[in-house]
């Protein structure tokens, strides 16, 4: 799933969220309703970048008309999603070093057969995660040592070879 990322500011969310597309090819020609939603992430997730599962509410505001009603939402101002929480969830990769507020655009977040063509996820930095859950943390900060998951099996193999050589008398 491809997403684009752009700065938000303090301007009205609909105009700024849709107007700050950095990678126009990612959203060009996306057919279907456009929705907007908000999540809050802790500052550590914003600094390091993270992969999060977004858990939107059942009723989402239309991003094209900001709830006023347009052709994209059938003049209702909103789009109603499935009752199934798992069917409404999607994964987003947040870039490391994002600011206090950002917009992540996810084309076809609920799959090709969904009436939702684009989800604009407004991400704000706060104290506690709201509307999302951490899937995996971002890259380790510079200078941090990566986890050595392969070290234990490698040590076991080396010890087995040494034990075999010692047992054979070499």
N, C-alpha and C. Protein backbone atom coordinates (compact mmCIF):
# COMPACT_ATOMS: atom_id res chain seq x y z
N UNK A 1 0.84 -1.16 0.00
CA UNK A 1 0.00 0.00 0.00
C UNK A 1 0.90 1.24 0.00
N UNK A 2 0.69 2.12 -0.95
CA UNK A 2 1.53 3.29 -1.08
C UNK A 2 0.86 4.48 -0.42
N UNK A 3 1.61 5.26 0.31
CA UNK A 3 1.05 6.46 0.90
C UNK A 3 1.99 7.63 0.65
N UNK A 4 1.44 8.82 0.72
CA UNK A 4 2.26 10.01 0.59
C UNK A 4 2.13 10.81 1.87
N UNK A 5 3.03 11.72 2.05
CA UNK A 5 3.12 12.44 3.30
C UNK A 5 3.32 13.91 3.01
N UNK A 6 2.64 14.75 3.74
CA UNK A 6 2.81 16.18 3.53
C UNK A 6 2.58 16.95 4.81
N UNK A 7 3.13 18.14 4.93
CA UNK A 7 2.97 18.93 6.14
C UNK A 7 1.55 19.45 6.28
N UNK A 8 1.12 19.70 7.49
CA UNK A 8 -0.20 20.25 7.72
C UNK A 8 -0.09 21.66 8.28
N UNK A 9 -0.06 22.31 9.02
CA UNK A 9 -0.06 23.66 9.49
C UNK A 9 -1.32 23.90 10.26
N UNK A 10 -1.64 25.13 10.46
CA UNK A 10 -2.83 25.45 11.22
C UNK A 10 -4.00 25.87 10.34
N UNK A 11 -3.89 25.74 9.04
CA UNK A 11 -4.97 26.11 8.13
C UNK A 11 -6.11 25.11 8.26
N UNK A 12 -7.28 25.42 7.72
CA UNK A 12 -8.40 24.48 7.77
C UNK A 12 -7.98 23.13 7.22
N UNK A 13 -8.38 22.04 7.92
CA UNK A 13 -7.85 20.73 7.60
C UNK A 13 -8.17 20.22 6.21
N UNK A 14 -9.32 20.48 5.68
CA UNK A 14 -9.66 19.92 4.38
C UNK A 14 -8.83 20.54 3.27
N UNK A 15 -8.81 21.86 3.18
CA UNK A 15 -8.06 22.51 2.11
C UNK A 15 -6.58 22.18 2.21
N UNK A 16 -6.03 22.25 3.41
CA UNK A 16 -4.60 21.99 3.58
C UNK A 16 -4.28 20.52 3.41
N UNK A 17 -5.11 19.64 3.94
CA UNK A 17 -4.83 18.21 3.85
C UNK A 17 -4.81 17.75 2.41
N UNK A 18 -5.75 18.22 1.59
CA UNK A 18 -5.78 17.79 0.21
C UNK A 18 -4.86 18.62 -0.66
N UNK A 19 -4.51 19.82 -0.22
CA UNK A 19 -3.67 20.70 -1.01
C UNK A 19 -2.19 20.48 -0.82
N UNK A 20 -1.78 19.67 0.12
CA UNK A 20 -0.35 19.51 0.38
C UNK A 20 0.19 18.17 -0.10
N UNK A 21 -0.39 17.65 -1.14
CA UNK A 21 0.07 16.37 -1.69
C UNK A 21 1.47 16.54 -2.27
N UNK A 22 2.41 15.76 -1.80
CA UNK A 22 3.77 15.84 -2.30
C UNK A 22 3.98 14.92 -3.50
N UNK A 23 3.38 13.76 -3.48
CA UNK A 23 3.52 12.80 -4.56
C UNK A 23 2.17 12.68 -5.25
N UNK A 24 1.93 13.56 -6.22
CA UNK A 24 0.63 13.62 -6.88
C UNK A 24 0.30 12.33 -7.62
N UNK A 25 1.31 11.59 -8.08
CA UNK A 25 1.06 10.35 -8.80
C UNK A 25 0.41 9.30 -7.90
N UNK A 26 0.69 9.34 -6.61
CA UNK A 26 0.14 8.35 -5.69
C UNK A 26 -1.37 8.49 -5.54
N UNK A 27 -1.89 9.69 -5.74
CA UNK A 27 -3.32 9.90 -5.56
C UNK A 27 -4.02 10.32 -6.85
N UNK A 28 -3.26 10.51 -7.92
CA UNK A 28 -3.87 10.91 -9.19
C UNK A 28 -4.76 9.78 -9.70
N UNK A 29 -5.94 10.13 -10.08
CA UNK A 29 -6.85 9.14 -10.65
C UNK A 29 -7.49 8.21 -9.66
N UNK A 30 -7.33 8.45 -8.37
CA UNK A 30 -7.97 7.60 -7.37
C UNK A 30 -9.47 7.86 -7.44
N UNK A 31 -10.22 6.81 -7.72
CA UNK A 31 -11.67 6.91 -7.85
C UNK A 31 -12.31 6.46 -6.54
N UNK A 32 -13.39 7.11 -6.17
CA UNK A 32 -14.11 6.73 -4.97
C UNK A 32 -14.13 7.87 -3.97
N UNK A 33 -14.81 7.64 -2.89
CA UNK A 33 -14.93 8.65 -1.84
C UNK A 33 -13.57 8.92 -1.20
N UNK A 34 -13.38 10.15 -0.77
CA UNK A 34 -12.19 10.52 -0.02
C UNK A 34 -12.65 10.83 1.39
N UNK A 35 -12.00 10.22 2.37
CA UNK A 35 -12.39 10.43 3.76
C UNK A 35 -11.23 11.01 4.55
N UNK A 36 -11.54 11.63 5.66
CA UNK A 36 -10.50 12.16 6.53
C UNK A 36 -10.74 11.65 7.95
N UNK A 37 -9.66 11.44 8.66
CA UNK A 37 -9.72 10.97 10.04
C UNK A 37 -8.51 11.47 10.77
N UNK A 38 -8.53 11.44 12.07
CA UNK A 38 -7.39 11.89 12.85
C UNK A 38 -6.91 10.83 13.81
N UNK A 39 -5.60 10.80 14.02
CA UNK A 39 -5.01 9.95 15.04
C UNK A 39 -3.99 10.77 15.81
N UNK A 40 -3.67 10.31 17.00
CA UNK A 40 -2.65 10.94 17.83
C UNK A 40 -1.59 9.88 18.10
N UNK A 41 -0.32 10.28 17.97
CA UNK A 41 0.79 9.35 18.24
C UNK A 41 1.72 9.98 19.26
N UNK A 42 2.41 9.16 20.06
CA UNK A 42 3.42 9.69 20.98
C UNK A 42 4.61 10.28 20.21
N UNK A 43 5.31 11.21 20.81
CA UNK A 43 6.42 11.88 20.14
C UNK A 43 7.53 10.92 19.72
N UNK A 44 7.75 9.84 20.46
CA UNK A 44 8.78 8.87 20.09
C UNK A 44 8.47 8.23 18.75
N UNK A 45 7.20 7.97 18.47
CA UNK A 45 6.82 7.38 17.19
C UNK A 45 7.08 8.37 16.06
N UNK A 46 6.84 9.65 16.33
CA UNK A 46 7.05 10.68 15.31
C UNK A 46 8.54 10.88 15.04
N UNK A 47 9.34 10.84 16.08
CA UNK A 47 10.78 11.06 15.93
C UNK A 47 11.45 9.92 15.19
N UNK A 48 11.11 8.70 15.55
CA UNK A 48 11.78 7.53 14.98
C UNK A 48 11.10 6.99 13.74
N UNK A 49 9.87 7.40 13.49
CA UNK A 49 9.09 6.78 12.42
C UNK A 49 8.55 5.47 12.96
N UNK A 50 7.40 5.06 12.53
CA UNK A 50 6.81 3.84 13.05
C UNK A 50 5.79 3.33 12.04
N UNK A 51 5.44 2.06 12.19
CA UNK A 51 4.35 1.49 11.43
C UNK A 51 3.19 1.34 12.39
N UNK A 52 2.05 1.91 12.04
CA UNK A 52 0.88 1.88 12.92
C UNK A 52 -0.32 1.30 12.19
N UNK A 53 -1.19 0.67 12.95
CA UNK A 53 -2.48 0.24 12.43
C UNK A 53 -3.48 1.30 12.84
N UNK A 54 -4.13 1.88 11.85
CA UNK A 54 -5.13 2.92 12.10
C UNK A 54 -6.47 2.22 12.27
N UNK A 55 -7.19 2.61 13.31
CA UNK A 55 -8.50 2.04 13.61
C UNK A 55 -9.55 3.13 13.51
N UNK A 56 -10.01 3.44 12.29
CA UNK A 56 -10.96 4.54 12.14
C UNK A 56 -12.34 4.21 12.72
N UNK A 57 -13.07 5.27 13.02
CA UNK A 57 -14.44 5.10 13.48
C UNK A 57 -15.30 4.61 12.33
N UNK A 58 -16.51 4.21 12.65
CA UNK A 58 -17.41 3.68 11.63
C UNK A 58 -17.86 4.76 10.64
N UNK A 59 -18.01 5.98 11.12
CA UNK A 59 -18.48 7.08 10.26
C UNK A 59 -17.32 8.07 10.09
N UNK A 60 -16.92 8.30 8.82
CA UNK A 60 -15.81 9.19 8.52
C UNK A 60 -16.28 10.39 7.71
N UNK A 61 -15.73 11.55 8.01
CA UNK A 61 -16.08 12.78 7.31
C UNK A 61 -15.53 12.73 5.89
N UNK A 62 -16.32 13.22 4.95
CA UNK A 62 -15.88 13.31 3.56
C UNK A 62 -14.80 14.38 3.47
N UNK A 63 -13.65 14.03 2.90
CA UNK A 63 -12.53 14.97 2.80
C UNK A 63 -12.75 16.01 1.71
N UNK A 64 -13.59 15.71 0.75
CA UNK A 64 -13.82 16.66 -0.34
C UNK A 64 -14.69 17.84 0.09
N UNK A 65 -15.69 17.58 0.91
CA UNK A 65 -16.62 18.65 1.28
C UNK A 65 -16.57 19.00 2.76
N UNK A 66 -15.72 18.32 3.53
CA UNK A 66 -15.59 18.53 4.97
C UNK A 66 -16.93 18.39 5.69
N UNK A 67 -17.73 17.45 5.22
CA UNK A 67 -19.01 17.17 5.87
C UNK A 67 -20.19 17.95 5.32
N UNK A 68 -19.96 18.79 4.33
CA UNK A 68 -21.04 19.62 3.79
C UNK A 68 -21.93 18.91 2.78
N UNK A 69 -21.45 17.85 2.17
CA UNK A 69 -22.22 17.12 1.18
C UNK A 69 -21.75 17.43 -0.23
N UNK A 70 -21.37 16.41 -0.98
CA UNK A 70 -20.91 16.57 -2.35
C UNK A 70 -21.20 15.29 -3.12
N UNK A 71 -20.84 15.26 -4.40
CA UNK A 71 -21.08 14.07 -5.20
C UNK A 71 -20.24 12.88 -4.72
N UNK A 72 -19.06 13.15 -4.17
CA UNK A 72 -18.17 12.08 -3.73
C UNK A 72 -18.72 11.26 -2.57
N UNK A 73 -19.58 11.89 -1.74
CA UNK A 73 -20.13 11.19 -0.57
C UNK A 73 -21.64 10.99 -0.68
N UNK A 74 -22.18 11.20 -1.87
CA UNK A 74 -23.62 11.04 -2.04
C UNK A 74 -24.41 12.11 -1.30
N UNK A 75 -23.80 13.29 -1.14
CA UNK A 75 -24.40 14.45 -0.48
C UNK A 75 -24.68 14.24 1.01
N UNK A 76 -24.06 13.23 1.60
CA UNK A 76 -24.29 12.97 3.03
C UNK A 76 -23.25 13.64 3.92
N UNK A 77 -22.11 14.01 3.38
CA UNK A 77 -21.06 14.63 4.17
C UNK A 77 -20.18 13.63 4.89
N UNK A 78 -20.52 12.36 4.80
CA UNK A 78 -19.75 11.33 5.49
C UNK A 78 -19.86 10.02 4.74
N UNK A 79 -19.01 9.10 5.10
CA UNK A 79 -19.03 7.75 4.55
C UNK A 79 -19.11 6.80 5.73
N UNK A 80 -20.02 5.84 5.67
CA UNK A 80 -20.19 4.87 6.75
C UNK A 80 -19.48 3.59 6.34
N UNK A 81 -18.61 3.11 7.24
CA UNK A 81 -17.83 1.90 6.99
C UNK A 81 -18.48 0.69 7.65
N UNK A 82 -17.85 -0.43 7.49
CA UNK A 82 -18.30 -1.70 8.04
C UNK A 82 -18.39 -1.67 9.57
N UNK A 83 -19.25 -2.53 10.12
CA UNK A 83 -19.33 -2.69 11.57
C UNK A 83 -18.12 -3.45 12.11
N UNK A 84 -17.45 -4.20 11.24
CA UNK A 84 -16.32 -5.04 11.62
C UNK A 84 -15.07 -4.19 11.83
N UNK A 85 -14.58 -4.14 13.08
CA UNK A 85 -13.40 -3.34 13.41
C UNK A 85 -12.19 -3.73 12.57
N UNK A 86 -12.00 -5.04 12.36
CA UNK A 86 -10.84 -5.52 11.60
C UNK A 86 -10.92 -5.09 10.13
N UNK A 87 -12.11 -5.05 9.57
CA UNK A 87 -12.28 -4.64 8.17
C UNK A 87 -12.01 -3.15 7.99
N UNK A 88 -12.15 -2.37 9.07
CA UNK A 88 -11.92 -0.92 8.99
C UNK A 88 -10.46 -0.55 9.24
N UNK A 89 -9.65 -1.45 9.71
CA UNK A 89 -8.26 -1.12 10.06
C UNK A 89 -7.37 -1.17 8.82
N UNK A 90 -6.35 -0.30 8.81
CA UNK A 90 -5.33 -0.34 7.76
C UNK A 90 -4.01 0.11 8.37
N UNK A 91 -2.91 -0.22 7.69
CA UNK A 91 -1.57 0.03 8.20
C UNK A 91 -0.94 1.21 7.46
N UNK A 92 -0.25 2.05 8.22
CA UNK A 92 0.43 3.22 7.66
C UNK A 92 1.86 3.25 8.19
N UNK A 93 2.80 3.55 7.31
CA UNK A 93 4.19 3.73 7.71
C UNK A 93 4.43 5.23 7.84
N UNK A 94 4.77 5.67 9.05
CA UNK A 94 5.04 7.08 9.31
C UNK A 94 6.51 7.37 9.07
N UNK A 95 6.83 8.47 8.43
CA UNK A 95 8.23 8.79 8.20
C UNK A 95 8.91 9.27 9.47
N UNK A 96 10.17 8.96 9.62
CA UNK A 96 10.93 9.44 10.78
C UNK A 96 11.06 10.96 10.71
N UNK A 97 11.00 11.60 11.84
CA UNK A 97 11.22 13.04 11.92
C UNK A 97 10.05 13.88 11.47
N UNK A 98 8.85 13.30 11.43
CA UNK A 98 7.69 14.11 11.02
C UNK A 98 7.45 15.20 12.06
N UNK A 99 6.79 16.25 11.70
CA UNK A 99 6.53 17.37 12.59
C UNK A 99 5.42 17.06 13.58
N UNK A 100 4.91 18.11 14.20
CA UNK A 100 3.86 17.98 15.21
C UNK A 100 2.53 17.56 14.59
N UNK A 101 2.29 17.95 13.34
CA UNK A 101 1.05 17.62 12.64
C UNK A 101 1.40 17.30 11.20
N UNK A 102 0.82 16.24 10.66
CA UNK A 102 1.09 15.85 9.28
C UNK A 102 -0.13 15.15 8.70
N UNK A 103 -0.15 15.04 7.39
CA UNK A 103 -1.21 14.30 6.70
C UNK A 103 -0.59 13.15 5.94
N UNK A 104 -1.15 11.98 6.14
CA UNK A 104 -0.71 10.79 5.40
C UNK A 104 -1.87 10.39 4.51
N UNK A 105 -1.62 10.28 3.23
CA UNK A 105 -2.65 9.91 2.28
C UNK A 105 -2.48 8.46 1.89
N UNK A 106 -3.54 7.68 2.03
CA UNK A 106 -3.47 6.25 1.73
C UNK A 106 -4.50 5.92 0.65
N UNK A 107 -4.05 5.72 -0.59
CA UNK A 107 -4.98 5.30 -1.63
C UNK A 107 -5.49 3.89 -1.35
N UNK A 108 -6.78 3.68 -1.56
CA UNK A 108 -7.43 2.37 -1.38
C UNK A 108 -7.07 1.71 -0.06
N UNK A 109 -7.29 2.38 1.08
CA UNK A 109 -6.88 1.81 2.37
C UNK A 109 -7.63 0.54 2.74
N UNK A 110 -8.85 0.36 2.22
CA UNK A 110 -9.65 -0.80 2.58
C UNK A 110 -9.76 -1.80 1.45
N UNK A 111 -8.87 -1.70 0.46
CA UNK A 111 -8.83 -2.64 -0.65
C UNK A 111 -9.49 -2.11 -1.91
N UNK A 112 -9.28 -2.81 -2.99
CA UNK A 112 -9.76 -2.39 -4.31
C UNK A 112 -11.28 -2.36 -4.42
N UNK A 113 -11.99 -3.18 -3.67
CA UNK A 113 -13.45 -3.26 -3.79
C UNK A 113 -14.18 -2.29 -2.87
N UNK A 114 -13.46 -1.52 -2.11
CA UNK A 114 -14.07 -0.57 -1.18
C UNK A 114 -14.51 0.70 -1.92
N UNK A 115 -15.58 1.32 -1.46
CA UNK A 115 -15.99 2.59 -2.07
C UNK A 115 -15.08 3.75 -1.68
N UNK A 116 -14.18 3.52 -0.72
CA UNK A 116 -13.24 4.56 -0.28
C UNK A 116 -12.03 4.54 -1.21
N UNK A 117 -11.80 5.64 -1.92
CA UNK A 117 -10.67 5.73 -2.82
C UNK A 117 -9.42 6.25 -2.15
N UNK A 118 -9.60 7.15 -1.17
CA UNK A 118 -8.45 7.77 -0.53
C UNK A 118 -8.79 8.11 0.92
N UNK A 119 -7.88 7.78 1.82
CA UNK A 119 -8.02 8.17 3.22
C UNK A 119 -6.94 9.18 3.54
N UNK A 120 -7.34 10.34 4.05
CA UNK A 120 -6.41 11.35 4.51
C UNK A 120 -6.37 11.22 6.02
N UNK A 121 -5.24 10.75 6.53
CA UNK A 121 -5.09 10.52 7.96
C UNK A 121 -4.28 11.68 8.54
N UNK A 122 -4.93 12.52 9.34
CA UNK A 122 -4.25 13.64 9.97
C UNK A 122 -3.60 13.11 11.25
N UNK A 123 -2.28 13.19 11.29
CA UNK A 123 -1.51 12.63 12.40
C UNK A 123 -1.01 13.78 13.27
N UNK A 124 -1.35 13.74 14.54
CA UNK A 124 -0.90 14.76 15.49
C UNK A 124 -0.06 14.09 16.57
N UNK A 125 0.92 14.80 17.07
CA UNK A 125 1.75 14.28 18.15
C UNK A 125 1.11 14.69 19.47
N UNK A 126 0.99 13.74 20.38
CA UNK A 126 0.40 13.98 21.69
C UNK A 126 1.04 13.09 22.74
N UNK A 127 0.39 13.01 23.88
CA UNK A 127 0.94 12.21 24.98
C UNK A 127 0.69 10.71 24.83
N UNK A 128 -0.49 10.37 24.32
CA UNK A 128 -0.90 8.97 24.25
C UNK A 128 -1.46 8.67 22.86
N UNK A 129 -1.24 7.47 22.38
CA UNK A 129 -1.77 7.06 21.08
C UNK A 129 -3.30 6.98 21.14
N UNK A 130 -3.95 7.56 20.14
CA UNK A 130 -5.41 7.52 20.03
C UNK A 130 -5.78 7.21 18.60
N UNK A 131 -6.65 6.22 18.41
CA UNK A 131 -7.11 5.88 17.07
C UNK A 131 -6.15 5.01 16.30
N UNK A 132 -5.09 4.54 16.95
CA UNK A 132 -4.11 3.69 16.26
C UNK A 132 -3.35 2.85 17.28
N UNK A 133 -2.62 1.88 16.77
CA UNK A 133 -1.78 1.03 17.60
C UNK A 133 -0.45 0.81 16.90
N UNK A 134 0.61 0.69 17.66
CA UNK A 134 1.94 0.48 17.12
C UNK A 134 2.07 -0.95 16.59
N UNK A 135 2.50 -1.07 15.34
CA UNK A 135 2.77 -2.38 14.75
C UNK A 135 4.25 -2.68 14.94
N UNK A 136 5.10 -1.72 14.55
CA UNK A 136 6.53 -1.87 14.76
C UNK A 136 7.15 -0.50 14.89
N UNK A 137 8.15 -0.38 15.75
CA UNK A 137 8.82 0.91 15.89
C UNK A 137 9.63 1.21 14.64
N UNK A 138 10.03 2.45 14.51
CA UNK A 138 10.82 2.86 13.35
C UNK A 138 12.25 2.39 13.47
N UNK A 139 13.07 2.93 12.61
CA UNK A 139 14.49 2.59 12.63
C UNK A 139 15.10 3.02 13.95
N UNK A 140 16.11 2.28 14.37
CA UNK A 140 16.79 2.63 15.60
C UNK A 140 17.53 3.95 15.41
N UNK A 141 17.56 4.79 16.44
CA UNK A 141 18.29 6.05 16.34
C UNK A 141 19.76 5.78 16.03
N UNK A 142 20.42 6.72 15.38
CA UNK A 142 21.84 6.54 15.05
C UNK A 142 22.64 6.27 16.30
N UNK A 143 23.56 5.34 16.19
CA UNK A 143 24.39 4.98 17.34
C UNK A 143 23.81 3.83 18.14
N UNK A 144 22.53 3.51 17.93
CA UNK A 144 21.93 2.39 18.67
C UNK A 144 22.37 1.09 18.00
N UNK A 145 22.52 0.07 18.80
CA UNK A 145 22.93 -1.23 18.26
C UNK A 145 21.70 -2.02 17.84
N UNK A 146 21.71 -2.59 16.65
CA UNK A 146 20.56 -3.40 16.21
C UNK A 146 20.47 -4.69 17.01
N UNK A 147 19.29 -5.21 17.13
CA UNK A 147 19.09 -6.48 17.84
C UNK A 147 19.77 -7.60 17.06
N UNK A 148 20.47 -8.44 17.77
CA UNK A 148 21.20 -9.54 17.11
C UNK A 148 20.40 -10.83 17.26
N UNK A 149 19.34 -10.95 16.51
CA UNK A 149 18.49 -12.12 16.61
C UNK A 149 19.19 -13.36 16.07
N UNK A 150 20.12 -13.16 15.19
CA UNK A 150 20.81 -14.29 14.57
C UNK A 150 22.00 -14.74 15.41
N UNK A 151 22.39 -14.02 16.44
CA UNK A 151 23.61 -14.32 17.20
C UNK A 151 23.53 -15.66 17.93
N UNK A 152 22.42 -15.96 18.60
CA UNK A 152 22.31 -17.20 19.37
C UNK A 152 22.45 -18.43 18.48
N UNK A 153 21.74 -18.53 17.35
CA UNK A 153 21.95 -19.70 16.49
C UNK A 153 23.37 -19.79 15.94
N UNK A 154 23.98 -18.65 15.62
CA UNK A 154 25.34 -18.66 15.11
C UNK A 154 26.32 -19.17 16.17
N UNK A 155 26.18 -18.72 17.39
CA UNK A 155 27.04 -19.20 18.48
C UNK A 155 26.85 -20.69 18.68
N UNK A 156 25.60 -21.16 18.61
CA UNK A 156 25.33 -22.60 18.78
C UNK A 156 26.02 -23.41 17.68
N UNK A 157 26.00 -22.93 16.45
CA UNK A 157 26.65 -23.64 15.33
C UNK A 157 28.16 -23.68 15.53
N UNK A 158 28.75 -22.53 15.91
CA UNK A 158 30.20 -22.47 16.14
C UNK A 158 30.59 -23.42 17.26
N UNK A 159 29.82 -23.42 18.35
CA UNK A 159 30.13 -24.33 19.48
C UNK A 159 30.00 -25.79 19.06
N UNK A 160 29.02 -26.11 18.22
CA UNK A 160 28.86 -27.49 17.75
C UNK A 160 30.05 -27.91 16.89
N UNK A 161 30.54 -26.99 16.03
CA UNK A 161 31.70 -27.30 15.20
C UNK A 161 32.94 -27.50 16.07
N UNK A 162 33.14 -26.61 17.05
CA UNK A 162 34.29 -26.74 17.96
C UNK A 162 34.20 -28.06 18.73
N UNK A 163 33.02 -28.40 19.24
CA UNK A 163 32.84 -29.64 19.98
C UNK A 163 33.13 -30.87 19.09
N UNK A 164 32.71 -30.80 17.83
CA UNK A 164 32.96 -31.91 16.90
C UNK A 164 34.46 -32.04 16.63
N UNK A 165 35.16 -30.90 16.46
CA UNK A 165 36.60 -30.95 16.23
C UNK A 165 37.34 -31.49 17.45
N UNK A 166 36.93 -31.06 18.63
CA UNK A 166 37.57 -31.54 19.86
C UNK A 166 37.33 -33.04 20.01
N UNK A 167 36.11 -33.49 19.74
CA UNK A 167 35.78 -34.91 19.88
C UNK A 167 36.54 -35.77 18.86
N UNK A 168 36.82 -35.23 17.70
CA UNK A 168 37.52 -36.01 16.68
C UNK A 168 39.05 -35.98 16.89
N UNK A 169 39.50 -35.18 17.84
CA UNK A 169 40.92 -35.11 18.15
C UNK A 169 41.70 -34.13 17.34
N UNK A 170 41.10 -33.23 16.66
CA UNK A 170 41.82 -32.25 15.84
C UNK A 170 42.22 -31.08 16.64
